[in-house]
Amino acid sequence: MKKLASVAAYLRAVPPAPRAALQELRRTIKAAAPEATEVISYGMPCFKHHGMLLCFAAFKDHCSLFMSTYITKAHKKALAAYDTSKGTIRFTPDKPLPVALVRRLVRARIAQNERKR
């Protein structure tokens, strides 16, 4: 995917099925982290709040949510149904991350960033 200037532009460039999943993920993240700002970093949509909060992206066969390894390890049981590695959570558009789980992960990541301050 070519380099895009905004999260909206990134999402417009994604095929329909993953776009819908990522738009729902984006809405959930915004609701859980209303003070976070959206940026494009490493060619992906990201949120910042007292440092980098998380990023997400669409790939050929899956979507990914990128967080800290600490968060994915701390929520290993809740993430058991998904392919994870280090700070990456992979999911498919037909099996998106549950809203409640995303909220919990985002809140945990915010708390982690705020402890670092």
N, C-alpha and C. Protein backbone atom coordinates (compact mmCIF):
# COMPACT_ATOMS: atom_id res chain seq x y z
N MET A 1 0.85 -1.18 0.00
CA MET A 1 0.00 0.00 0.00
C MET A 1 0.89 1.24 0.00
N LYS A 2 0.50 2.21 -0.79
CA LYS A 2 1.28 3.45 -0.85
C LYS A 2 1.14 4.24 0.45
N LYS A 3 2.09 5.14 0.66
CA LYS A 3 2.08 5.96 1.87
C LYS A 3 0.93 6.96 1.82
N LEU A 4 0.14 6.99 2.89
CA LEU A 4 -1.03 7.86 2.95
C LEU A 4 -0.89 8.86 4.09
N ALA A 5 -1.54 10.00 3.94
CA ALA A 5 -1.37 11.10 4.88
C ALA A 5 -2.30 11.06 6.08
N SER A 6 -3.41 10.32 6.00
CA SER A 6 -4.36 10.32 7.11
C SER A 6 -4.95 8.93 7.31
N VAL A 7 -5.53 8.75 8.48
CA VAL A 7 -6.17 7.47 8.79
C VAL A 7 -7.36 7.26 7.85
N ALA A 8 -8.12 8.31 7.59
CA ALA A 8 -9.26 8.20 6.68
C ALA A 8 -8.79 7.77 5.29
N ALA A 9 -7.70 8.34 4.80
CA ALA A 9 -7.16 7.97 3.49
C ALA A 9 -6.69 6.52 3.50
N TYR A 10 -6.06 6.10 4.58
CA TYR A 10 -5.62 4.71 4.70
C TYR A 10 -6.83 3.78 4.59
N LEU A 11 -7.87 4.07 5.34
CA LEU A 11 -9.05 3.20 5.34
C LEU A 11 -9.75 3.18 3.98
N ARG A 12 -9.77 4.30 3.28
CA ARG A 12 -10.37 4.33 1.94
C ARG A 12 -9.62 3.42 0.98
N ALA A 13 -8.33 3.23 1.20
CA ALA A 13 -7.50 2.41 0.32
C ALA A 13 -7.59 0.91 0.62
N VAL A 14 -8.22 0.55 1.72
CA VAL A 14 -8.33 -0.86 2.14
C VAL A 14 -9.57 -1.47 1.48
N PRO A 15 -9.50 -2.74 1.05
CA PRO A 15 -10.68 -3.41 0.48
C PRO A 15 -11.86 -3.42 1.47
N PRO A 16 -13.09 -3.55 0.98
CA PRO A 16 -14.30 -3.40 1.81
C PRO A 16 -14.38 -4.25 3.07
N ALA A 17 -14.09 -5.55 3.01
CA ALA A 17 -14.25 -6.40 4.21
C ALA A 17 -13.29 -5.99 5.33
N PRO A 18 -11.99 -5.89 5.07
CA PRO A 18 -11.12 -5.45 6.15
C PRO A 18 -11.37 -4.00 6.56
N ARG A 19 -11.81 -3.17 5.61
CA ARG A 19 -12.11 -1.77 5.94
C ARG A 19 -13.20 -1.70 7.00
N ALA A 20 -14.25 -2.47 6.83
CA ALA A 20 -15.35 -2.47 7.81
C ALA A 20 -14.86 -2.90 9.18
N ALA A 21 -14.03 -3.94 9.22
CA ALA A 21 -13.49 -4.41 10.51
C ALA A 21 -12.60 -3.35 11.15
N LEU A 22 -11.77 -2.70 10.35
CA LEU A 22 -10.86 -1.67 10.89
C LEU A 22 -11.62 -0.41 11.28
N GLN A 23 -12.68 -0.07 10.57
CA GLN A 23 -13.48 1.10 10.96
C GLN A 23 -14.14 0.86 12.31
N GLU A 24 -14.64 -0.34 12.52
CA GLU A 24 -15.25 -0.67 13.82
C GLU A 24 -14.19 -0.64 14.92
N LEU A 25 -13.01 -1.19 14.62
CA LEU A 25 -11.90 -1.15 15.58
C LEU A 25 -11.54 0.29 15.91
N ARG A 26 -11.46 1.13 14.90
CA ARG A 26 -11.13 2.55 15.09
C ARG A 26 -12.16 3.24 15.99
N ARG A 27 -13.45 3.00 15.74
CA ARG A 27 -14.51 3.60 16.56
C ARG A 27 -14.38 3.15 18.02
N THR A 28 -14.09 1.88 18.21
CA THR A 28 -13.95 1.34 19.56
C THR A 28 -12.76 1.96 20.28
N ILE A 29 -11.65 2.09 19.57
CA ILE A 29 -10.45 2.69 20.16
C ILE A 29 -10.72 4.15 20.52
N LYS A 30 -11.35 4.90 19.60
CA LYS A 30 -11.66 6.31 19.87
C LYS A 30 -12.55 6.45 21.10
N ALA A 31 -13.52 5.56 21.26
CA ALA A 31 -14.42 5.62 22.41
C ALA A 31 -13.68 5.27 23.70
N ALA A 32 -12.75 4.34 23.63
CA ALA A 32 -12.00 3.93 24.82
C ALA A 32 -10.87 4.89 25.17
N ALA A 33 -10.40 5.62 24.18
CA ALA A 33 -9.29 6.56 24.38
C ALA A 33 -9.62 7.90 23.73
N PRO A 34 -10.62 8.61 24.25
CA PRO A 34 -11.06 9.85 23.60
C PRO A 34 -10.01 10.95 23.55
N GLU A 35 -9.02 10.90 24.41
CA GLU A 35 -7.97 11.93 24.42
C GLU A 35 -6.81 11.59 23.48
N ALA A 36 -6.82 10.39 22.93
CA ALA A 36 -5.74 9.97 22.04
C ALA A 36 -5.85 10.69 20.70
N THR A 37 -4.72 10.88 20.05
CA THR A 37 -4.69 11.50 18.74
C THR A 37 -4.32 10.45 17.69
N GLU A 38 -4.91 10.61 16.51
CA GLU A 38 -4.62 9.69 15.42
C GLU A 38 -3.46 10.21 14.59
N VAL A 39 -2.60 9.30 14.19
CA VAL A 39 -1.47 9.64 13.33
C VAL A 39 -1.23 8.47 12.38
N ILE A 40 -0.47 8.73 11.35
CA ILE A 40 0.04 7.66 10.51
C ILE A 40 1.51 7.50 10.89
N SER A 41 1.89 6.30 11.26
CA SER A 41 3.27 6.01 11.63
C SER A 41 3.64 4.66 11.03
N TYR A 42 4.81 4.56 10.46
CA TYR A 42 5.22 3.33 9.79
C TYR A 42 4.20 2.91 8.74
N GLY A 43 3.50 3.89 8.13
CA GLY A 43 2.53 3.62 7.09
C GLY A 43 1.21 3.05 7.58
N MET A 44 0.99 3.08 8.91
CA MET A 44 -0.21 2.51 9.50
C MET A 44 -0.95 3.53 10.34
N PRO A 45 -2.26 3.36 10.49
CA PRO A 45 -3.01 4.19 11.44
C PRO A 45 -2.58 3.86 12.87
N CYS A 46 -2.31 4.88 13.64
CA CYS A 46 -1.88 4.71 15.02
C CYS A 46 -2.59 5.72 15.92
N PHE A 47 -2.59 5.43 17.19
CA PHE A 47 -3.11 6.35 18.20
C PHE A 47 -1.98 6.64 19.18
N LYS A 48 -1.89 7.90 19.57
CA LYS A 48 -0.91 8.32 20.57
C LYS A 48 -1.62 8.88 21.78
N HIS A 49 -1.11 8.53 22.94
CA HIS A 49 -1.60 9.09 24.21
C HIS A 49 -0.47 8.91 25.21
N HIS A 50 0.23 9.97 25.52
CA HIS A 50 1.43 9.89 26.36
C HIS A 50 2.41 8.89 25.76
N GLY A 51 2.66 9.04 24.48
CA GLY A 51 3.50 8.12 23.74
C GLY A 51 2.63 7.27 22.81
N MET A 52 3.25 6.37 22.09
CA MET A 52 2.51 5.53 21.16
C MET A 52 1.59 4.59 21.94
N LEU A 53 0.34 4.56 21.55
CA LEU A 53 -0.65 3.72 22.22
C LEU A 53 -0.78 2.40 21.47
N LEU A 54 -1.13 2.48 20.20
CA LEU A 54 -1.30 1.28 19.39
C LEU A 54 -1.41 1.65 17.93
N CYS A 55 -1.28 0.65 17.07
CA CYS A 55 -1.45 0.82 15.64
C CYS A 55 -2.30 -0.34 15.13
N PHE A 56 -2.85 -0.16 13.94
CA PHE A 56 -3.57 -1.27 13.31
C PHE A 56 -3.35 -1.20 11.82
N ALA A 57 -3.56 -2.34 11.14
CA ALA A 57 -3.32 -2.37 9.70
C ALA A 57 -4.04 -3.55 9.07
N ALA A 58 -4.25 -3.43 7.78
CA ALA A 58 -4.82 -4.52 6.98
C ALA A 58 -3.71 -5.15 6.15
N PHE A 59 -3.75 -6.46 6.05
CA PHE A 59 -2.81 -7.21 5.23
C PHE A 59 -3.61 -8.11 4.30
N LYS A 60 -2.94 -8.83 3.45
CA LYS A 60 -3.63 -9.64 2.46
C LYS A 60 -4.63 -10.62 3.07
N ASP A 61 -4.21 -11.35 4.11
CA ASP A 61 -5.06 -12.40 4.67
C ASP A 61 -5.57 -12.13 6.08
N HIS A 62 -5.24 -10.97 6.63
CA HIS A 62 -5.65 -10.69 8.01
C HIS A 62 -5.52 -9.19 8.31
N CYS A 63 -5.99 -8.82 9.47
CA CYS A 63 -5.77 -7.48 10.01
C CYS A 63 -4.94 -7.66 11.28
N SER A 64 -4.26 -6.63 11.69
CA SER A 64 -3.45 -6.70 12.91
C SER A 64 -3.66 -5.48 13.78
N LEU A 65 -3.59 -5.72 15.07
CA LEU A 65 -3.58 -4.67 16.08
C LEU A 65 -2.23 -4.79 16.76
N PHE A 66 -1.48 -3.71 16.78
CA PHE A 66 -0.13 -3.70 17.34
C PHE A 66 -0.13 -2.94 18.65
N MET A 67 0.26 -3.63 19.72
CA MET A 67 0.33 -3.02 21.06
C MET A 67 1.66 -3.43 21.67
N SER A 68 1.79 -3.22 22.95
CA SER A 68 3.01 -3.65 23.61
C SER A 68 2.95 -5.15 23.93
N THR A 69 4.10 -5.76 23.97
CA THR A 69 4.20 -7.18 24.33
C THR A 69 3.63 -7.41 25.72
N TYR A 70 3.85 -6.47 26.63
CA TYR A 70 3.35 -6.59 28.00
C TYR A 70 1.83 -6.77 28.00
N ILE A 71 1.12 -6.01 27.19
CA ILE A 71 -0.34 -6.07 27.15
C ILE A 71 -0.80 -7.40 26.57
N THR A 72 -0.17 -7.84 25.48
CA THR A 72 -0.60 -9.11 24.89
C THR A 72 -0.32 -10.28 25.82
N LYS A 73 0.78 -10.22 26.55
CA LYS A 73 1.07 -11.29 27.52
C LYS A 73 0.09 -11.24 28.70
N ALA A 74 -0.21 -10.06 29.17
CA ALA A 74 -1.11 -9.90 30.32
C ALA A 74 -2.54 -10.36 29.99
N HIS A 75 -2.91 -10.32 28.72
CA HIS A 75 -4.26 -10.71 28.30
C HIS A 75 -4.24 -11.98 27.44
N LYS A 76 -3.24 -12.80 27.66
CA LYS A 76 -3.02 -14.00 26.86
C LYS A 76 -4.26 -14.90 26.81
N LYS A 77 -4.90 -15.09 27.95
CA LYS A 77 -6.07 -15.97 28.00
C LYS A 77 -7.22 -15.40 27.16
N ALA A 78 -7.47 -14.11 27.25
CA ALA A 78 -8.54 -13.47 26.49
C ALA A 78 -8.23 -13.47 24.99
N LEU A 79 -6.96 -13.54 24.65
CA LEU A 79 -6.54 -13.51 23.25
C LEU A 79 -6.27 -14.89 22.67
N ALA A 80 -6.59 -15.93 23.42
CA ALA A 80 -6.28 -17.31 23.01
C ALA A 80 -6.88 -17.68 21.65
N ALA A 81 -8.01 -17.13 21.30
CA ALA A 81 -8.68 -17.46 20.03
C ALA A 81 -8.04 -16.76 18.83
N TYR A 82 -7.05 -15.91 19.08
CA TYR A 82 -6.42 -15.13 18.01
C TYR A 82 -4.95 -15.48 17.89
N ASP A 83 -4.41 -15.29 16.71
CA ASP A 83 -2.99 -15.50 16.46
C ASP A 83 -2.25 -14.28 17.02
N THR A 84 -1.36 -14.52 17.96
CA THR A 84 -0.59 -13.43 18.57
C THR A 84 0.90 -13.73 18.50
N SER A 85 1.70 -12.69 18.49
CA SER A 85 3.14 -12.81 18.62
C SER A 85 3.67 -11.48 19.13
N LYS A 86 4.44 -11.55 20.17
CA LYS A 86 4.95 -10.35 20.83
C LYS A 86 3.81 -9.37 21.04
N GLY A 87 3.84 -8.20 20.45
CA GLY A 87 2.80 -7.20 20.65
C GLY A 87 1.78 -7.14 19.53
N THR A 88 1.67 -8.21 18.74
CA THR A 88 0.76 -8.23 17.60
C THR A 88 -0.40 -9.18 17.83
N ILE A 89 -1.60 -8.71 17.49
CA ILE A 89 -2.80 -9.54 17.54
C ILE A 89 -3.36 -9.57 16.13
N ARG A 90 -3.44 -10.77 15.54
CA ARG A 90 -3.96 -10.91 14.18
C ARG A 90 -5.39 -11.42 14.23
N PHE A 91 -6.23 -10.86 13.36
CA PHE A 91 -7.62 -11.30 13.27
C PHE A 91 -8.09 -11.14 11.83
N THR A 92 -9.18 -11.79 11.52
CA THR A 92 -9.73 -11.70 10.17
C THR A 92 -10.99 -10.84 10.21
N PRO A 93 -11.36 -10.26 9.09
CA PRO A 93 -12.57 -9.44 9.05
C PRO A 93 -13.82 -10.20 9.47
N ASP A 94 -13.86 -11.52 9.20
CA ASP A 94 -15.04 -12.30 9.57
C ASP A 94 -15.01 -12.74 11.04
N LYS A 95 -13.88 -12.53 11.71
CA LYS A 95 -13.77 -12.83 13.14
C LYS A 95 -13.02 -11.68 13.82
N PRO A 96 -13.65 -10.49 13.86
CA PRO A 96 -12.97 -9.32 14.44
C PRO A 96 -12.82 -9.45 15.95
N LEU A 97 -11.99 -8.60 16.50
CA LEU A 97 -11.81 -8.57 17.95
C LEU A 97 -13.09 -8.05 18.60
N PRO A 98 -13.56 -8.69 19.67
CA PRO A 98 -14.76 -8.20 20.36
C PRO A 98 -14.54 -6.79 20.93
N VAL A 99 -15.58 -5.98 20.87
CA VAL A 99 -15.51 -4.60 21.34
C VAL A 99 -15.06 -4.54 22.80
N ALA A 100 -15.63 -5.39 23.65
CA ALA A 100 -15.26 -5.38 25.08
C ALA A 100 -13.78 -5.70 25.27
N LEU A 101 -13.25 -6.61 24.49
CA LEU A 101 -11.84 -6.96 24.59
C LEU A 101 -10.96 -5.79 24.14
N VAL A 102 -11.33 -5.16 23.05
CA VAL A 102 -10.56 -4.01 22.56
C VAL A 102 -10.55 -2.90 23.61
N ARG A 103 -11.70 -2.63 24.19
CA ARG A 103 -11.76 -1.60 25.25
C ARG A 103 -10.81 -1.93 26.39
N ARG A 104 -10.83 -3.19 26.82
CA ARG A 104 -9.97 -3.63 27.92
C ARG A 104 -8.49 -3.47 27.55
N LEU A 105 -8.14 -3.87 26.34
CA LEU A 105 -6.75 -3.75 25.89
C LEU A 105 -6.31 -2.28 25.81
N VAL A 106 -7.18 -1.44 25.27
CA VAL A 106 -6.84 -0.01 25.14
C VAL A 106 -6.68 0.62 26.51
N ARG A 107 -7.59 0.33 27.43
CA ARG A 107 -7.47 0.89 28.79
C ARG A 107 -6.18 0.43 29.46
N ALA A 108 -5.83 -0.83 29.27
CA ALA A 108 -4.59 -1.35 29.85
C ALA A 108 -3.37 -0.65 29.24
N ARG A 109 -3.42 -0.41 27.95
CA ARG A 109 -2.30 0.27 27.29
C ARG A 109 -2.20 1.73 27.73
N ILE A 110 -3.33 2.40 27.90
CA ILE A 110 -3.31 3.77 28.42
C ILE A 110 -2.68 3.79 29.80
N ALA A 111 -3.11 2.88 30.66
CA ALA A 111 -2.55 2.81 32.01
C ALA A 111 -1.05 2.55 31.97
N GLN A 112 -0.61 1.70 31.08
CA GLN A 112 0.82 1.42 30.95
C GLN A 112 1.57 2.68 30.54
N ASN A 113 1.05 3.42 29.56
CA ASN A 113 1.71 4.65 29.14
C ASN A 113 1.72 5.70 30.24
N GLU A 114 0.62 5.81 30.98
CA GLU A 114 0.55 6.80 32.04
C GLU A 114 1.49 6.46 33.20
N ARG A 115 1.72 5.18 33.46
CA ARG A 115 2.68 4.79 34.51
C ARG A 115 4.11 5.20 34.11
N LYS A 116 4.39 5.22 32.83
CA LYS A 116 5.73 5.58 32.34
C LYS A 116 6.03 7.06 32.48
N ARG A 117 4.96 7.88 32.57
CA ARG A 117 5.13 9.34 32.61
C ARG A 117 5.93 9.74 33.77
